[in-house]
Amino acid sequence: MDLNAIMKQAQAMQQKLQEAQAKLGESTVEGTAGGGMARVTLDGTGALKAVQLAPELLKPEEAEVLGDLLVAAHADAKRKLDEAQAKLMQDVAGPLAGGLGGLPGMGFGR
């Protein structure tokens, strides 16, 4: 491949990456814990957007359980967001993912 072809591919990949990041930024993921008693919603950047709690968790004696469930629900949502981001990056990198893995900063999917 000549340098011009490589540059065109890099520009196309950069455009795809920008589009994918915009798409991800508009998405949301939900994490749950306690069989759905605690739910959190994160946007595509990881910002917390909503919290839903079962009424029985709002009793003073459930404060510690509530805290634990919120942490677990957030971890669930964050895991889902990380998976979505990894899939998007894999989709953007496509066949280049393996070929660029040896270059610094280009280890997609690793």
N, C-alpha and C. Protein backbone atom coordinates (compact mmCIF):
# COMPACT_ATOMS: atom_id res chain seq x y z
N MET A 1 0.83 -1.19 0.00
CA MET A 1 0.00 0.00 0.00
C MET A 1 0.87 1.25 0.00
N ASP A 2 0.43 2.27 -0.71
CA ASP A 2 1.19 3.50 -0.68
C ASP A 2 0.70 4.40 0.46
N LEU A 3 1.46 5.42 0.72
CA LEU A 3 1.17 6.31 1.85
C LEU A 3 -0.16 7.02 1.69
N ASN A 4 -0.52 7.40 0.46
CA ASN A 4 -1.80 8.08 0.23
C ASN A 4 -2.98 7.18 0.59
N ALA A 5 -2.88 5.92 0.23
CA ALA A 5 -3.96 4.97 0.56
C ALA A 5 -4.07 4.79 2.07
N ILE A 6 -2.94 4.71 2.73
CA ILE A 6 -2.94 4.57 4.20
C ILE A 6 -3.56 5.81 4.84
N MET A 7 -3.22 6.98 4.35
CA MET A 7 -3.76 8.23 4.90
C MET A 7 -5.27 8.30 4.69
N LYS A 8 -5.75 7.87 3.52
CA LYS A 8 -7.19 7.87 3.26
C LYS A 8 -7.90 6.91 4.20
N GLN A 9 -7.30 5.75 4.43
CA GLN A 9 -7.90 4.80 5.35
C GLN A 9 -7.93 5.36 6.77
N ALA A 10 -6.87 6.03 7.16
CA ALA A 10 -6.81 6.62 8.51
C ALA A 10 -7.87 7.71 8.66
N GLN A 11 -8.05 8.53 7.63
CA GLN A 11 -9.08 9.57 7.68
C GLN A 11 -10.47 8.97 7.75
N ALA A 12 -10.71 7.92 6.97
CA ALA A 12 -12.01 7.26 7.00
C ALA A 12 -12.26 6.64 8.37
N MET A 13 -11.24 6.06 8.96
CA MET A 13 -11.36 5.47 10.28
C MET A 13 -11.63 6.54 11.33
N GLN A 14 -10.97 7.68 11.21
CA GLN A 14 -11.19 8.78 12.15
C GLN A 14 -12.62 9.27 12.05
N GLN A 15 -13.16 9.38 10.85
CA GLN A 15 -14.54 9.81 10.66
C GLN A 15 -15.50 8.80 11.30
N LYS A 16 -15.24 7.51 11.08
CA LYS A 16 -16.08 6.47 11.68
C LYS A 16 -16.02 6.54 13.20
N LEU A 17 -14.84 6.79 13.73
CA LEU A 17 -14.66 6.88 15.18
C LEU A 17 -15.46 8.05 15.74
N GLN A 18 -15.41 9.19 15.08
CA GLN A 18 -16.17 10.35 15.54
C GLN A 18 -17.67 10.08 15.50
N GLU A 19 -18.12 9.43 14.45
CA GLU A 19 -19.54 9.09 14.35
C GLU A 19 -19.94 8.10 15.44
N ALA A 20 -19.08 7.12 15.70
CA ALA A 20 -19.36 6.11 16.73
C ALA A 20 -19.40 6.76 18.11
N GLN A 21 -18.47 7.68 18.38
CA GLN A 21 -18.45 8.36 19.67
C GLN A 21 -19.71 9.20 19.87
N ALA A 22 -20.16 9.85 18.81
CA ALA A 22 -21.39 10.65 18.90
C ALA A 22 -22.58 9.74 19.17
N LYS A 23 -22.63 8.61 18.48
CA LYS A 23 -23.72 7.66 18.68
C LYS A 23 -23.70 7.12 20.10
N LEU A 24 -22.53 6.77 20.58
CA LEU A 24 -22.42 6.26 21.95
C LEU A 24 -22.81 7.33 22.96
N GLY A 25 -22.44 8.58 22.72
CA GLY A 25 -22.78 9.67 23.62
C GLY A 25 -24.28 9.87 23.76
N GLU A 26 -25.03 9.50 22.75
CA GLU A 26 -26.49 9.65 22.78
C GLU A 26 -27.19 8.44 23.39
N SER A 27 -26.45 7.37 23.64
CA SER A 27 -27.06 6.15 24.15
C SER A 27 -27.14 6.16 25.67
N THR A 28 -27.89 5.22 26.20
CA THR A 28 -27.97 5.03 27.65
C THR A 28 -27.89 3.54 27.95
N VAL A 29 -27.43 3.23 29.14
CA VAL A 29 -27.42 1.86 29.63
C VAL A 29 -28.03 1.85 31.02
N GLU A 30 -28.66 0.73 31.36
CA GLU A 30 -29.27 0.61 32.68
C GLU A 30 -28.61 -0.54 33.41
N GLY A 31 -28.31 -0.30 34.67
CA GLY A 31 -27.77 -1.34 35.52
C GLY A 31 -28.75 -1.61 36.64
N THR A 32 -28.84 -2.86 37.06
CA THR A 32 -29.77 -3.23 38.12
C THR A 32 -29.06 -4.04 39.19
N ALA A 33 -29.66 -4.06 40.37
CA ALA A 33 -29.17 -4.88 41.48
C ALA A 33 -30.36 -5.22 42.36
N GLY A 34 -30.16 -6.27 43.16
CA GLY A 34 -31.22 -6.67 44.08
C GLY A 34 -32.47 -7.12 43.37
N GLY A 35 -32.30 -7.81 42.26
CA GLY A 35 -33.46 -8.28 41.52
C GLY A 35 -34.30 -7.14 40.95
N GLY A 36 -33.65 -6.04 40.63
CA GLY A 36 -34.35 -4.89 40.06
C GLY A 36 -34.82 -3.88 41.10
N MET A 37 -34.48 -4.10 42.37
CA MET A 37 -34.90 -3.16 43.41
C MET A 37 -34.19 -1.81 43.27
N ALA A 38 -32.98 -1.84 42.73
CA ALA A 38 -32.23 -0.61 42.48
C ALA A 38 -31.84 -0.60 41.01
N ARG A 39 -32.11 0.52 40.36
CA ARG A 39 -31.77 0.69 38.94
C ARG A 39 -31.09 2.04 38.77
N VAL A 40 -30.04 2.04 37.96
CA VAL A 40 -29.39 3.30 37.60
C VAL A 40 -29.27 3.37 36.09
N THR A 41 -29.33 4.57 35.56
CA THR A 41 -29.16 4.79 34.13
C THR A 41 -27.96 5.70 33.92
N LEU A 42 -27.05 5.26 33.05
CA LEU A 42 -25.89 6.05 32.67
C LEU A 42 -26.02 6.46 31.21
N ASP A 43 -25.53 7.67 30.89
CA ASP A 43 -25.49 8.02 29.48
C ASP A 43 -24.20 7.46 28.88
N GLY A 44 -24.00 7.68 27.61
CA GLY A 44 -22.86 7.10 26.91
C GLY A 44 -21.51 7.59 27.37
N THR A 45 -21.49 8.68 28.13
CA THR A 45 -20.22 9.18 28.67
C THR A 45 -19.96 8.63 30.07
N GLY A 46 -20.94 7.91 30.62
CA GLY A 46 -20.80 7.35 31.96
C GLY A 46 -21.43 8.21 33.05
N ALA A 47 -22.04 9.32 32.65
CA ALA A 47 -22.69 10.18 33.65
C ALA A 47 -23.98 9.54 34.15
N LEU A 48 -24.20 9.63 35.44
CA LEU A 48 -25.41 9.09 36.05
C LEU A 48 -26.59 10.00 35.69
N LYS A 49 -27.62 9.40 35.09
CA LYS A 49 -28.77 10.18 34.63
C LYS A 49 -30.03 9.92 35.43
N ALA A 50 -30.18 8.72 36.01
CA ALA A 50 -31.40 8.42 36.75
C ALA A 50 -31.14 7.30 37.76
N VAL A 51 -31.91 7.36 38.85
CA VAL A 51 -31.88 6.33 39.88
C VAL A 51 -33.32 5.98 40.20
N GLN A 52 -33.63 4.69 40.19
CA GLN A 52 -34.97 4.23 40.57
C GLN A 52 -34.80 3.23 41.71
N LEU A 53 -35.60 3.41 42.77
CA LEU A 53 -35.48 2.55 43.93
C LEU A 53 -36.84 1.98 44.30
N ALA A 54 -36.84 0.74 44.74
CA ALA A 54 -38.07 0.14 45.26
C ALA A 54 -38.39 0.83 46.58
N PRO A 55 -39.65 1.14 46.83
CA PRO A 55 -40.03 1.86 48.05
C PRO A 55 -39.55 1.21 49.34
N GLU A 56 -39.49 -0.10 49.39
CA GLU A 56 -39.06 -0.76 50.62
C GLU A 56 -37.61 -0.49 50.97
N LEU A 57 -36.82 0.02 50.03
CA LEU A 57 -35.42 0.37 50.31
C LEU A 57 -35.29 1.73 50.99
N LEU A 58 -36.36 2.47 51.07
CA LEU A 58 -36.30 3.82 51.61
C LEU A 58 -36.51 3.88 53.13
N LYS A 59 -36.57 2.75 53.77
CA LYS A 59 -36.70 2.69 55.23
C LYS A 59 -35.33 2.93 55.84
N PRO A 60 -35.26 3.66 56.94
CA PRO A 60 -33.96 3.95 57.58
C PRO A 60 -33.13 2.70 57.86
N GLU A 61 -33.77 1.62 58.25
CA GLU A 61 -33.00 0.40 58.57
C GLU A 61 -32.41 -0.26 57.32
N GLU A 62 -32.78 0.20 56.14
CA GLU A 62 -32.27 -0.37 54.88
C GLU A 62 -31.16 0.49 54.26
N ALA A 63 -30.67 1.48 54.99
CA ALA A 63 -29.69 2.42 54.44
C ALA A 63 -28.44 1.72 53.91
N GLU A 64 -27.91 0.78 54.68
CA GLU A 64 -26.69 0.10 54.24
C GLU A 64 -26.95 -0.77 53.01
N VAL A 65 -28.08 -1.47 53.00
CA VAL A 65 -28.44 -2.29 51.85
C VAL A 65 -28.63 -1.39 50.62
N LEU A 66 -29.28 -0.26 50.80
CA LEU A 66 -29.50 0.68 49.70
C LEU A 66 -28.18 1.12 49.10
N GLY A 67 -27.23 1.48 49.95
CA GLY A 67 -25.91 1.89 49.46
C GLY A 67 -25.24 0.79 48.66
N ASP A 68 -25.29 -0.43 49.19
CA ASP A 68 -24.68 -1.57 48.49
C ASP A 68 -25.35 -1.82 47.14
N LEU A 69 -26.67 -1.73 47.11
CA LEU A 69 -27.39 -1.96 45.85
C LEU A 69 -27.09 -0.89 44.81
N LEU A 70 -26.96 0.35 45.25
CA LEU A 70 -26.62 1.42 44.30
C LEU A 70 -25.24 1.21 43.71
N VAL A 71 -24.30 0.81 44.54
CA VAL A 71 -22.95 0.54 44.03
C VAL A 71 -22.99 -0.61 43.04
N ALA A 72 -23.71 -1.67 43.37
CA ALA A 72 -23.80 -2.83 42.48
C ALA A 72 -24.52 -2.49 41.18
N ALA A 73 -25.57 -1.69 41.25
CA ALA A 73 -26.31 -1.31 40.04
C ALA A 73 -25.42 -0.44 39.14
N HIS A 74 -24.66 0.45 39.75
CA HIS A 74 -23.75 1.29 38.97
C HIS A 74 -22.68 0.43 38.31
N ALA A 75 -22.13 -0.53 39.02
CA ALA A 75 -21.12 -1.42 38.45
C ALA A 75 -21.70 -2.20 37.27
N ASP A 76 -22.95 -2.64 37.40
CA ASP A 76 -23.61 -3.37 36.31
C ASP A 76 -23.75 -2.47 35.08
N ALA A 77 -24.20 -1.25 35.29
CA ALA A 77 -24.36 -0.31 34.18
C ALA A 77 -23.02 0.02 33.55
N LYS A 78 -22.00 0.23 34.36
CA LYS A 78 -20.67 0.57 33.85
C LYS A 78 -20.10 -0.58 33.02
N ARG A 79 -20.31 -1.81 33.46
CA ARG A 79 -19.85 -2.98 32.70
C ARG A 79 -20.53 -3.01 31.33
N LYS A 80 -21.84 -2.74 31.31
CA LYS A 80 -22.58 -2.73 30.04
C LYS A 80 -22.09 -1.62 29.12
N LEU A 81 -21.79 -0.46 29.71
CA LEU A 81 -21.28 0.66 28.92
C LEU A 81 -19.91 0.32 28.34
N ASP A 82 -19.05 -0.28 29.16
CA ASP A 82 -17.72 -0.67 28.68
C ASP A 82 -17.83 -1.67 27.53
N GLU A 83 -18.76 -2.62 27.64
CA GLU A 83 -18.96 -3.60 26.57
C GLU A 83 -19.44 -2.91 25.29
N ALA A 84 -20.35 -1.96 25.43
CA ALA A 84 -20.86 -1.24 24.26
C ALA A 84 -19.74 -0.44 23.61
N GLN A 85 -18.89 0.20 24.42
CA GLN A 85 -17.78 0.97 23.88
C GLN A 85 -16.79 0.06 23.17
N ALA A 86 -16.49 -1.09 23.75
CA ALA A 86 -15.55 -2.03 23.13
C ALA A 86 -16.09 -2.54 21.80
N LYS A 87 -17.38 -2.84 21.75
CA LYS A 87 -17.99 -3.32 20.51
C LYS A 87 -17.94 -2.24 19.44
N LEU A 88 -18.24 -1.02 19.83
CA LEU A 88 -18.21 0.09 18.88
C LEU A 88 -16.81 0.27 18.32
N MET A 89 -15.80 0.20 19.18
CA MET A 89 -14.42 0.37 18.72
C MET A 89 -14.04 -0.78 17.79
N GLN A 90 -14.49 -1.97 18.10
CA GLN A 90 -14.20 -3.11 17.24
C GLN A 90 -14.87 -2.93 15.88
N ASP A 91 -16.12 -2.44 15.89
CA ASP A 91 -16.83 -2.20 14.64
C ASP A 91 -16.14 -1.12 13.81
N VAL A 92 -15.64 -0.08 14.48
CA VAL A 92 -14.97 1.01 13.77
C VAL A 92 -13.64 0.53 13.20
N ALA A 93 -12.88 -0.21 13.99
CA ALA A 93 -11.56 -0.65 13.55
C ALA A 93 -11.65 -1.70 12.46
N GLY A 94 -12.69 -2.53 12.53
CA GLY A 94 -12.90 -3.55 11.51
C GLY A 94 -11.67 -4.39 11.26
N PRO A 95 -11.33 -4.60 10.00
CA PRO A 95 -10.18 -5.45 9.67
C PRO A 95 -8.85 -4.85 10.08
N LEU A 96 -8.82 -3.55 10.37
CA LEU A 96 -7.57 -2.93 10.78
C LEU A 96 -7.20 -3.25 12.21
N ALA A 97 -8.15 -3.72 13.01
CA ALA A 97 -7.92 -3.96 14.42
C ALA A 97 -6.71 -4.86 14.65
N GLY A 98 -6.62 -5.94 13.90
CA GLY A 98 -5.50 -6.85 14.07
C GLY A 98 -4.21 -6.29 13.52
N GLY A 99 -4.29 -5.63 12.36
CA GLY A 99 -3.10 -5.11 11.71
C GLY A 99 -2.45 -3.95 12.41
N LEU A 100 -3.22 -3.19 13.18
CA LEU A 100 -2.66 -2.03 13.87
C LEU A 100 -2.29 -2.35 15.30
N GLY A 101 -2.55 -3.55 15.75
CA GLY A 101 -2.32 -3.90 17.15
C GLY A 101 -0.88 -3.74 17.59
N GLY A 102 0.05 -3.80 16.66
CA GLY A 102 1.45 -3.65 17.03
C GLY A 102 1.91 -2.21 17.15
N LEU A 103 1.09 -1.27 16.72
CA LEU A 103 1.46 0.13 16.78
C LEU A 103 1.06 0.71 18.14
N PRO A 104 1.89 1.59 18.70
CA PRO A 104 1.55 2.19 20.00
C PRO A 104 0.21 2.90 19.93
N GLY A 105 -0.65 2.63 20.93
CA GLY A 105 -1.94 3.28 21.00
C GLY A 105 -2.99 2.72 20.08
N MET A 106 -2.67 1.68 19.34
CA MET A 106 -3.62 1.15 18.36
C MET A 106 -4.02 -0.28 18.67
N GLY A 107 -3.92 -0.71 19.91
CA GLY A 107 -4.24 -2.09 20.28
C GLY A 107 -5.72 -2.29 20.48
N PHE A 108 -6.53 -2.10 19.46
CA PHE A 108 -7.98 -2.27 19.55
C PHE A 108 -8.32 -3.70 19.95
N GLY A 109 -9.28 -3.81 20.84
CA GLY A 109 -9.79 -5.12 21.20
C GLY A 109 -8.83 -5.95 22.04
N ARG A 110 -7.81 -5.34 22.58
CA ARG A 110 -6.83 -6.09 23.37
C ARG A 110 -6.83 -5.61 24.77
